[in-house]
Amino acid sequence: MPRIRGVLSGLAATAAGGKDEAMQKVWISKARAALDQPYVAPVKAARKPVVKEEPVEEPEAVIDLREPEPQQLKQPHKAIPTMLFQEPS
């Protein structure tokens, strides 16, 4: 950790006077704040035993071979008006 803090201090010193100084100071302060937080090791959860599931037999699907009943009578398409194109005069 002290080595990382030293690197951050070096970055802060080199950032002074640069055009990105404010942005780098924000980033460095966030990194320092993250280093101040205590590290908690992740706890490994115990694995659950693997249970093999036997495949469940599904009943066969019934295939319906009947023709579907006709829906309402379809209306004929409306006639589209004819458009005449003329050359510009």
PDB file of N, CA and C in Angstrom:
ATOM      1  N   MET A   1       0.802  -1.191   0.000  1.00  0.00           N
ATOM      2  CA  MET A   1       0.000   0.000   0.000  1.00  0.00           C
ATOM      3  C   MET A   1       0.855   1.269   0.000  1.00  0.00           C
ATOM      4  N   PRO A   2       1.928   1.301   0.791  1.00  0.00           N
ATOM      5  CA  PRO A   2       2.726   2.535   0.782  1.00  0.00           C
ATOM      6  C   PRO A   2       3.307   2.799  -0.599  1.00  0.00           C
ATOM      7  N   ARG A   3       3.608   1.737  -1.329  1.00  0.00           N
ATOM      8  CA  ARG A   3       4.185   1.911  -2.666  1.00  0.00           C
ATOM      9  C   ARG A   3       3.153   2.549  -3.591  1.00  0.00           C
ATOM     10  N   ILE A   4       1.895   2.125  -3.476  1.00  0.00           N
ATOM     11  CA  ILE A   4       0.845   2.698  -4.316  1.00  0.00           C
ATOM     12  C   ILE A   4       0.614   4.151  -3.953  1.00  0.00           C
ATOM     13  N   ARG A   5       0.633   4.438  -2.640  1.00  0.00           N
ATOM     14  CA  ARG A   5       0.450   5.829  -2.212  1.00  0.00           C
ATOM     15  C   ARG A   5       1.595   6.710  -2.718  1.00  0.00           C
ATOM     16  N   GLY A   6       2.806   6.151  -2.755  1.00  0.00           N
ATOM     17  CA  GLY A   6       3.942   6.911  -3.291  1.00  0.00           C
ATOM     18  C   GLY A   6       3.777   7.202  -4.772  1.00  0.00           C
ATOM     19  N   VAL A   7       3.266   6.226  -5.511  1.00  0.00           N
ATOM     20  CA  VAL A   7       3.033   6.437  -6.939  1.00  0.00           C
ATOM     21  C   VAL A   7       1.974   7.510  -7.141  1.00  0.00           C
ATOM     22  N   LEU A   8       0.925   7.477  -6.329  1.00  0.00           N
ATOM     23  CA  LEU A   8      -0.119   8.499  -6.439  1.00  0.00           C
ATOM     24  C   LEU A   8       0.435   9.890  -6.131  1.00  0.00           C
ATOM     25  N   SER A   9       1.334   9.979  -5.156  1.00  0.00           N
ATOM     26  CA  SER A   9       1.949  11.273  -4.843  1.00  0.00           C
ATOM     27  C   SER A   9       2.800  11.754  -6.011  1.00  0.00           C
ATOM     28  N   GLY A  10       3.523  10.808  -6.645  1.00  0.00           N
ATOM     29  CA  GLY A  10       4.322  11.174  -7.810  1.00  0.00           C
ATOM     30  C   GLY A  10       3.453  11.654  -8.960  1.00  0.00           C
ATOM     31  N   LEU A  11       2.321  11.001  -9.165  1.00  0.00           N
ATOM     32  CA  LEU A  11       1.402  11.438 -10.212  1.00  0.00           C
ATOM     33  C   LEU A  11       0.859  12.829  -9.927  1.00  0.00           C
ATOM     34  N   ALA A  12       0.545  13.086  -8.649  1.00  0.00           N
ATOM     35  CA  ALA A  12       0.037  14.413  -8.275  1.00  0.00           C
ATOM     36  C   ALA A  12       1.082  15.480  -8.546  1.00  0.00           C
ATOM     37  N   ALA A  13       2.341  15.164  -8.305  1.00  0.00           N
ATOM     38  CA  ALA A  13       3.413  16.139  -8.527  1.00  0.00           C
ATOM     39  C   ALA A  13       3.607  16.404 -10.020  1.00  0.00           C
ATOM     40  N   THR A  14       3.523  15.360 -10.846  1.00  0.00           N
ATOM     41  CA  THR A  14       3.722  15.560 -12.287  1.00  0.00           C
ATOM     42  C   THR A  14       2.507  16.207 -12.941  1.00  0.00           C
ATOM     43  N   ALA A  15       1.329  16.089 -12.314  1.00  0.00           N
ATOM     44  CA  ALA A  15       0.126  16.676 -12.886  1.00  0.00           C
ATOM     45  C   ALA A  15       0.059  18.175 -12.662  1.00  0.00           C
ATOM     46  N   ALA A  16       0.838  18.691 -11.717  1.00  0.00           N
ATOM     47  CA  ALA A  16       0.787  20.114 -11.386  1.00  0.00           C
ATOM     48  C   ALA A  16       1.165  20.947 -12.598  1.00  0.00           C
ATOM     49  N   GLY A  17       0.309  21.911 -12.917  1.00  0.00           N
ATOM     50  CA  GLY A  17       0.593  22.835 -14.018  1.00  0.00           C
ATOM     51  C   GLY A  17       0.148  22.336 -15.383  1.00  0.00           C
ATOM     52  N   GLY A  18      -0.352  21.120 -15.461  1.00  0.00           N
ATOM     53  CA  GLY A  18      -0.801  20.586 -16.744  1.00  0.00           C
ATOM     54  C   GLY A  18      -2.248  20.965 -17.026  1.00  0.00           C
ATOM     55  N   LYS A  19      -2.658  20.757 -18.272  1.00  0.00           N
ATOM     56  CA  LYS A  19      -4.027  21.130 -18.622  1.00  0.00           C
ATOM     57  C   LYS A  19      -5.059  20.197 -17.996  1.00  0.00           C
ATOM     58  N   ASP A  20      -4.641  18.978 -17.645  1.00  0.00           N
ATOM     59  CA  ASP A  20      -5.551  18.010 -17.047  1.00  0.00           C
ATOM     60  C   ASP A  20      -5.349  17.880 -15.540  1.00  0.00           C
ATOM     61  N   GLU A  21      -4.783  18.900 -14.930  1.00  0.00           N
ATOM     62  CA  GLU A  21      -4.444  18.828 -13.515  1.00  0.00           C
ATOM     63  C   GLU A  21      -5.665  18.563 -12.644  1.00  0.00           C
ATOM     64  N   ALA A  22      -6.763  19.257 -12.882  1.00  0.00           N
ATOM     65  CA  ALA A  22      -7.958  19.107 -12.049  1.00  0.00           C
ATOM     66  C   ALA A  22      -8.521  17.691 -12.175  1.00  0.00           C
ATOM     67  N   MET A  23      -8.553  17.183 -13.395  1.00  0.00           N
ATOM     68  CA  MET A  23      -9.094  15.840 -13.609  1.00  0.00           C
ATOM     69  C   MET A  23      -8.224  14.787 -12.923  1.00  0.00           C
ATOM     70  N   GLN A  24      -6.913  14.942 -13.028  1.00  0.00           N
ATOM     71  CA  GLN A  24      -6.018  13.969 -12.411  1.00  0.00           C
ATOM     72  C   GLN A  24      -6.083  14.046 -10.889  1.00  0.00           C
ATOM     73  N   LYS A  25      -6.271  15.242 -10.331  1.00  0.00           N
ATOM     74  CA  LYS A  25      -6.387  15.369  -8.874  1.00  0.00           C
ATOM     75  C   LYS A  25      -7.652  14.689  -8.371  1.00  0.00           C
ATOM     76  N   VAL A  26      -8.730  14.790  -9.150  1.00  0.00           N
ATOM     77  CA  VAL A  26      -9.970  14.116  -8.758  1.00  0.00           C
ATOM     78  C   VAL A  26      -9.743  12.605  -8.762  1.00  0.00           C
ATOM     79  N   TRP A  27      -9.114  12.108  -9.825  1.00  0.00           N
ATOM     80  CA  TRP A  27      -8.867  10.671  -9.931  1.00  0.00           C
ATOM     81  C   TRP A  27      -7.956  10.195  -8.792  1.00  0.00           C
ATOM     82  N   ILE A  28      -6.908  10.947  -8.501  1.00  0.00           N
ATOM     83  CA  ILE A  28      -5.959  10.574  -7.440  1.00  0.00           C
ATOM     84  C   ILE A  28      -6.650  10.591  -6.079  1.00  0.00           C
ATOM     85  N   SER A  29      -7.505  11.589  -5.835  1.00  0.00           N
ATOM     86  CA  SER A  29      -8.196  11.637  -4.535  1.00  0.00           C
ATOM     87  C   SER A  29      -9.166  10.464  -4.390  1.00  0.00           C
ATOM     88  N   LYS A  30      -9.823  10.060  -5.497  1.00  0.00           N
ATOM     89  CA  LYS A  30     -10.707   8.887  -5.439  1.00  0.00           C
ATOM     90  C   LYS A  30      -9.901   7.617  -5.168  1.00  0.00           C
ATOM     91  N   ALA A  31      -8.721   7.500  -5.774  1.00  0.00           N
ATOM     92  CA  ALA A  31      -7.881   6.329  -5.559  1.00  0.00           C
ATOM     93  C   ALA A  31      -7.396   6.279  -4.110  1.00  0.00           C
ATOM     94  N   ARG A  32      -7.031   7.421  -3.554  1.00  0.00           N
ATOM     95  CA  ARG A  32      -6.590   7.450  -2.159  1.00  0.00           C
ATOM     96  C   ARG A  32      -7.726   7.086  -1.215  1.00  0.00           C
ATOM     97  N   ALA A  33      -8.934   7.569  -1.515  1.00  0.00           N
ATOM     98  CA  ALA A  33     -10.091   7.246  -0.675  1.00  0.00           C
ATOM     99  C   ALA A  33     -10.387   5.749  -0.725  1.00  0.00           C
ATOM    100  N   ALA A  34     -10.210   5.146  -1.891  1.00  0.00           N
ATOM    101  CA  ALA A  34     -10.435   3.708  -2.014  1.00  0.00           C
ATOM    102  C   ALA A  34      -9.388   2.931  -1.221  1.00  0.00           C
ATOM    103  N   LEU A  35      -8.163   3.446  -1.157  1.00  0.00           N
ATOM    104  CA  LEU A  35      -7.114   2.775  -0.393  1.00  0.00           C
ATOM    105  C   LEU A  35      -7.346   2.898   1.112  1.00  0.00           C
ATOM    106  N   ASP A  36      -8.050   3.957   1.533  1.00  0.00           N
ATOM    107  CA  ASP A  36      -8.310   4.150   2.959  1.00  0.00           C
ATOM    108  C   ASP A  36      -9.339   3.160   3.494  1.00  0.00           C
ATOM    109  N   GLN A  37     -10.167   2.618   2.630  1.00  0.00           N
ATOM    110  CA  GLN A  37     -11.189   1.677   3.070  1.00  0.00           C
ATOM    111  C   GLN A  37     -10.537   0.336   3.388  1.00  0.00           C
ATOM    112  N   PRO A  38     -10.972  -0.300   4.480  1.00  0.00           N
ATOM    113  CA  PRO A  38     -10.375  -1.604   4.830  1.00  0.00           C
ATOM    114  C   PRO A  38     -10.772  -2.664   3.808  1.00  0.00           C
ATOM    115  N   TYR A  39      -9.840  -3.557   3.540  1.00  0.00           N
ATOM    116  CA  TYR A  39     -10.066  -4.622   2.572  1.00  0.00           C
ATOM    117  C   TYR A  39     -10.733  -5.794   3.269  1.00  0.00           C
ATOM    118  N   VAL A  40     -11.834  -6.228   2.718  1.00  0.00           N
ATOM    119  CA  VAL A  40     -12.540  -7.377   3.261  1.00  0.00           C
ATOM    120  C   VAL A  40     -12.438  -8.483   2.223  1.00  0.00           C
ATOM    121  N   ALA A  41     -11.846  -9.594   2.638  1.00  0.00           N
ATOM    122  CA  ALA A  41     -11.690 -10.718   1.710  1.00  0.00           C
ATOM    123  C   ALA A  41     -13.059 -11.305   1.399  1.00  0.00           C
ATOM    124  N   PRO A  42     -13.295 -11.614   0.133  1.00  0.00           N
ATOM    125  CA  PRO A  42     -14.597 -12.197  -0.200  1.00  0.00           C
ATOM    126  C   PRO A  42     -14.747 -13.581   0.421  1.00  0.00           C
ATOM    127  N   VAL A  43     -15.930 -13.842   0.920  1.00  0.00           N
ATOM    128  CA  VAL A  43     -16.204 -15.122   1.571  1.00  0.00           C
ATOM    129  C   VAL A  43     -16.732 -16.076   0.505  1.00  0.00           C
ATOM    130  N   LYS A  44     -16.084 -17.226   0.414  1.00  0.00           N
ATOM    131  CA  LYS A  44     -16.528 -18.214  -0.558  1.00  0.00           C
ATOM    132  C   LYS A  44     -17.693 -18.985   0.035  1.00  0.00           C
ATOM    133  N   ALA A  45     -18.757 -19.038  -0.709  1.00  0.00           N
ATOM    134  CA  ALA A  45     -19.936 -19.777  -0.252  1.00  0.00           C
ATOM    135  C   ALA A  45     -19.725 -21.264  -0.493  1.00  0.00           C
ATOM    136  N   ALA A  46     -20.239 -22.059   0.403  1.00  0.00           N
ATOM    137  CA  ALA A  46     -20.132 -23.512   0.249  1.00  0.00           C
ATOM    138  C   ALA A  46     -20.954 -23.934  -0.959  1.00  0.00           C
ATOM    139  N   ARG A  47     -20.398 -24.822  -1.744  1.00  0.00           N
ATOM    140  CA  ARG A  47     -21.104 -25.287  -2.933  1.00  0.00           C
ATOM    141  C   ARG A  47     -22.206 -26.248  -2.528  1.00  0.00           C
ATOM    142  N   LYS A  48     -23.296 -26.132  -3.251  1.00  0.00           N
ATOM    143  CA  LYS A  48     -24.402 -27.048  -3.012  1.00  0.00           C
ATOM    144  C   LYS A  48     -24.110 -28.350  -3.754  1.00  0.00           C
ATOM    145  N   PRO A  49     -24.509 -29.463  -3.193  1.00  0.00           N
ATOM    146  CA  PRO A  49     -24.273 -30.726  -3.902  1.00  0.00           C
ATOM    147  C   PRO A  49     -25.079 -30.752  -5.203  1.00  0.00           C
ATOM    148  N   VAL A  50     -24.467 -31.334  -6.215  1.00  0.00           N
ATOM    149  CA  VAL A  50     -25.111 -31.410  -7.516  1.00  0.00           C
ATOM    150  C   VAL A  50     -26.141 -32.528  -7.488  1.00  0.00           C
ATOM    151  N   VAL A  51     -27.367 -32.174  -7.805  1.00  0.00           N
ATOM    152  CA  VAL A  51     -28.441 -33.157  -7.819  1.00  0.00           C
ATOM    153  C   VAL A  51     -28.806 -33.411  -9.276  1.00  0.00           C
ATOM    154  N   LYS A  52     -28.719 -34.669  -9.680  1.00  0.00           N
ATOM    155  CA  LYS A  52     -29.066 -35.008 -11.056  1.00  0.00           C
ATOM    156  C   LYS A  52     -30.579 -35.171 -11.135  1.00  0.00           C
ATOM    157  N   GLU A  53     -31.144 -34.431 -12.053  1.00  0.00           N
ATOM    158  CA  GLU A  53     -32.586 -34.510 -12.246  1.00  0.00           C
ATOM    159  C   GLU A  53     -32.874 -35.490 -13.364  1.00  0.00           C
ATOM    160  N   GLU A  54     -33.794 -36.393 -13.094  1.00  0.00           N
ATOM    161  CA  GLU A  54     -34.172 -37.336 -14.120  1.00  0.00           C
ATOM    162  C   GLU A  54     -35.143 -36.637 -15.073  1.00  0.00           C
ATOM    163  N   PRO A  55     -34.970 -36.859 -16.374  1.00  0.00           N
ATOM    164  CA  PRO A  55     -35.868 -36.196 -17.316  1.00  0.00           C
ATOM    165  C   PRO A  55     -37.301 -36.691 -17.142  1.00  0.00           C
ATOM    166  N   VAL A  56     -38.210 -35.760 -17.130  1.00  0.00           N
ATOM    167  CA  VAL A  56     -39.616 -36.085 -16.974  1.00  0.00           C
ATOM    168  C   VAL A  56     -40.190 -36.323 -18.365  1.00  0.00           C
ATOM    169  N   GLU A  57     -40.866 -37.450 -18.514  1.00  0.00           N
ATOM    170  CA  GLU A  57     -41.444 -37.756 -19.813  1.00  0.00           C
ATOM    171  C   GLU A  57     -42.678 -36.895 -20.013  1.00  0.00           C
ATOM    172  N   GLU A  58     -42.683 -36.174 -21.132  1.00  0.00           N
ATOM    173  CA  GLU A  58     -43.811 -35.323 -21.441  1.00  0.00           C
ATOM    174  C   GLU A  58     -44.738 -36.078 -22.382  1.00  0.00           C
ATOM    175  N   PRO A  59     -46.035 -35.895 -22.219  1.00  0.00           N
ATOM    176  CA  PRO A  59     -46.957 -36.568 -23.126  1.00  0.00           C
ATOM    177  C   PRO A  59     -46.804 -36.011 -24.536  1.00  0.00           C
ATOM    178  N   GLU A  60     -47.071 -36.876 -25.520  1.00  0.00           N
ATOM    179  CA  GLU A  60     -46.932 -36.440 -26.899  1.00  0.00           C
ATOM    180  C   GLU A  60     -47.971 -35.377 -27.203  1.00  0.00           C
ATOM    181  N   ALA A  61     -47.574 -34.438 -28.025  1.00  0.00           N
ATOM    182  CA  ALA A  61     -48.484 -33.375 -28.403  1.00  0.00           C
ATOM    183  C   ALA A  61     -49.508 -33.909 -29.393  1.00  0.00           C
ATOM    184  N   VAL A  62     -50.733 -33.477 -29.235  1.00  0.00           N
ATOM    185  CA  VAL A  62     -51.794 -33.903 -30.131  1.00  0.00           C
ATOM    186  C   VAL A  62     -51.776 -32.989 -31.352  1.00  0.00           C
ATOM    187  N   ILE A  63     -51.712 -33.610 -32.530  1.00  0.00           N
ATOM    188  CA  ILE A  63     -51.663 -32.833 -33.753  1.00  0.00           C
ATOM    189  C   ILE A  63     -53.083 -32.738 -34.301  1.00  0.00           C
ATOM    190  N   ASP A  64     -53.540 -31.520 -34.487  1.00  0.00           N
ATOM    191  CA  ASP A  64     -54.886 -31.288 -34.986  1.00  0.00           C
ATOM    192  C   ASP A  64     -54.818 -31.148 -36.501  1.00  0.00           C
ATOM    193  N   LEU A  65     -55.427 -32.096 -37.222  1.00  0.00           N
ATOM    194  CA  LEU A  65     -55.360 -32.095 -38.679  1.00  0.00           C
ATOM    195  C   LEU A  65     -56.583 -31.439 -39.323  1.00  0.00           C
ATOM    196  N   ARG A  66     -57.488 -30.946 -38.542  1.00  0.00           N
ATOM    197  CA  ARG A  66     -58.661 -30.281 -39.101  1.00  0.00           C
ATOM    198  C   ARG A  66     -58.271 -28.939 -39.690  1.00  0.00           C
ATOM    199  N   GLU A  67     -58.999 -28.524 -40.714  1.00  0.00           N
ATOM    200  CA  GLU A  67     -58.758 -27.208 -41.300  1.00  0.00           C
ATOM    201  C   GLU A  67     -59.368 -26.160 -40.381  1.00  0.00           C
ATOM    202  N   PRO A  68     -58.713 -25.034 -40.257  1.00  0.00           N
ATOM    203  CA  PRO A  68     -59.283 -23.997 -39.395  1.00  0.00           C
ATOM    204  C   PRO A  68     -60.577 -23.465 -40.006  1.00  0.00           C
ATOM    205  N   GLU A  69     -61.492 -23.099 -39.147  1.00  0.00           N
ATOM    206  CA  GLU A  69     -62.757 -22.566 -39.633  1.00  0.00           C
ATOM    207  C   GLU A  69     -62.506 -21.209 -40.274  1.00  0.00           C
ATOM    208  N   PRO A  70     -63.207 -20.933 -41.385  1.00  0.00           N
ATOM    209  CA  PRO A  70     -62.978 -19.649 -42.070  1.00  0.00           C
ATOM    210  C   PRO A  70     -63.405 -18.491 -41.179  1.00  0.00           C
ATOM    211  N   GLN A  71     -62.582 -17.478 -41.198  1.00  0.00           N
ATOM    212  CA  GLN A  71     -62.891 -16.291 -40.412  1.00  0.00           C
ATOM    213  C   GLN A  71     -63.929 -15.486 -41.178  1.00  0.00           C
ATOM    214  N   GLN A  72     -64.192 -14.321 -40.729  1.00  0.00           N
ATOM    215  CA  GLN A  72     -65.168 -13.481 -41.413  1.00  0.00           C
ATOM    216  C   GLN A  72     -64.761 -13.295 -42.861  1.00  0.00           C
ATOM    217  N   LEU A  73     -65.737 -13.047 -43.703  1.00  0.00           N
ATOM    218  CA  LEU A  73     -65.454 -12.851 -45.117  1.00  0.00           C
ATOM    219  C   LEU A  73     -64.502 -11.681 -45.281  1.00  0.00           C
ATOM    220  N   LYS A  74     -63.504 -11.917 -46.086  1.00  0.00           N
ATOM    221  CA  LYS A  74     -62.529 -10.855 -46.308  1.00  0.00           C
ATOM    222  C   LYS A  74     -63.126  -9.811 -47.245  1.00  0.00           C
ATOM    223  N   GLN A  75     -62.861  -8.575 -46.924  1.00  0.00           N
ATOM    224  CA  GLN A  75     -63.362  -7.500 -47.780  1.00  0.00           C
ATOM    225  C   GLN A  75     -62.395  -7.325 -48.942  1.00  0.00           C
ATOM    226  N   PRO A  76     -62.929  -7.053 -50.137  1.00  0.00           N
ATOM    227  CA  PRO A  76     -62.039  -6.849 -51.279  1.00  0.00           C
ATOM    228  C   PRO A  76     -61.204  -5.588 -51.071  1.00  0.00           C
ATOM    229  N   HIS A  77     -60.027  -5.600 -51.656  1.00  0.00           N
ATOM    230  CA  HIS A  77     -59.142  -4.443 -51.539  1.00  0.00           C
ATOM    231  C   HIS A  77     -59.774  -3.247 -52.225  1.00  0.00           C
ATOM    232  N   LYS A  78     -59.552  -2.104 -51.645  1.00  0.00           N
ATOM    233  CA  LYS A  78     -60.063  -0.877 -52.251  1.00  0.00           C
ATOM    234  C   LYS A  78     -59.177  -0.523 -53.429  1.00  0.00           C
ATOM    235  N   ALA A  79     -59.798  -0.030 -54.463  1.00  0.00           N
ATOM    236  CA  ALA A  79     -59.054   0.344 -55.668  1.00  0.00           C
ATOM    237  C   ALA A  79     -58.187   1.558 -55.374  1.00  0.00           C
ATOM    238  N   ILE A  80     -56.976   1.504 -55.855  1.00  0.00           N
ATOM    239  CA  ILE A  80     -56.046   2.613 -55.666  1.00  0.00           C
ATOM    240  C   ILE A  80     -56.235   3.556 -56.835  1.00  0.00           C
ATOM    241  N   PRO A  81     -56.405   4.836 -56.573  1.00  0.00           N
ATOM    242  CA  PRO A  81     -56.623   5.766 -57.687  1.00  0.00           C
ATOM    243  C   PRO A  81     -55.381   5.819 -58.589  1.00  0.00           C
ATOM    244  N   THR A  82     -55.631   5.944 -59.882  1.00  0.00           N
ATOM    245  CA  THR A  82     -54.548   6.007 -60.860  1.00  0.00           C
ATOM    246  C   THR A  82     -53.932   7.387 -60.816  1.00  0.00           C
ATOM    247  N   MET A  83     -52.601   7.415 -60.867  1.00  0.00           N
ATOM    248  CA  MET A  83     -51.897   8.704 -60.872  1.00  0.00           C
ATOM    249  C   MET A  83     -51.305   8.928 -62.255  1.00  0.00           C
ATOM    250  N   LEU A  84     -51.453  10.109 -62.740  1.00  0.00           N
ATOM    251  CA  LEU A  84     -50.903  10.464 -64.044  1.00  0.00           C
ATOM    252  C   LEU A  84     -49.689  11.340 -63.827  1.00  0.00           C
ATOM    253  N   PHE A  85     -48.606  10.956 -64.460  1.00  0.00           N
ATOM    254  CA  PHE A  85     -47.376  11.751 -64.366  1.00  0.00           C
ATOM    255  C   PHE A  85     -47.212  12.510 -65.662  1.00  0.00           C
ATOM    256  N   GLN A  86     -46.962  13.765 -65.557  1.00  0.00           N
ATOM    257  CA  GLN A  86     -46.790  14.589 -66.735  1.00  0.00           C
ATOM    258  C   GLN A  86     -45.416  15.223 -66.701  1.00  0.00           C
ATOM    259  N   GLU A  87     -44.902  15.446 -67.906  1.00  0.00           N
ATOM    260  CA  GLU A  87     -43.603  16.123 -67.992  1.00  0.00           C
ATOM    261  C   GLU A  87     -43.786  17.589 -67.623  1.00  0.00           C
ATOM    262  N   PRO A  88     -42.800  18.149 -66.963  1.00  0.00           N
ATOM    263  CA  PRO A  88     -42.918  19.582 -66.666  1.00  0.00           C
ATOM    264  C   PRO A  88     -42.862  20.368 -67.965  1.00  0.00           C
ATOM    265  N   SER A  89     -43.672  21.399 -68.035  1.00  0.00           N
ATOM    266  CA  SER A  89     -43.717  22.180 -69.266  1.00  0.00           C
ATOM    267  C   SER A  89     -42.772  23.360 -69.250  1.00  0.00           C
TER     268      SER A  89
END
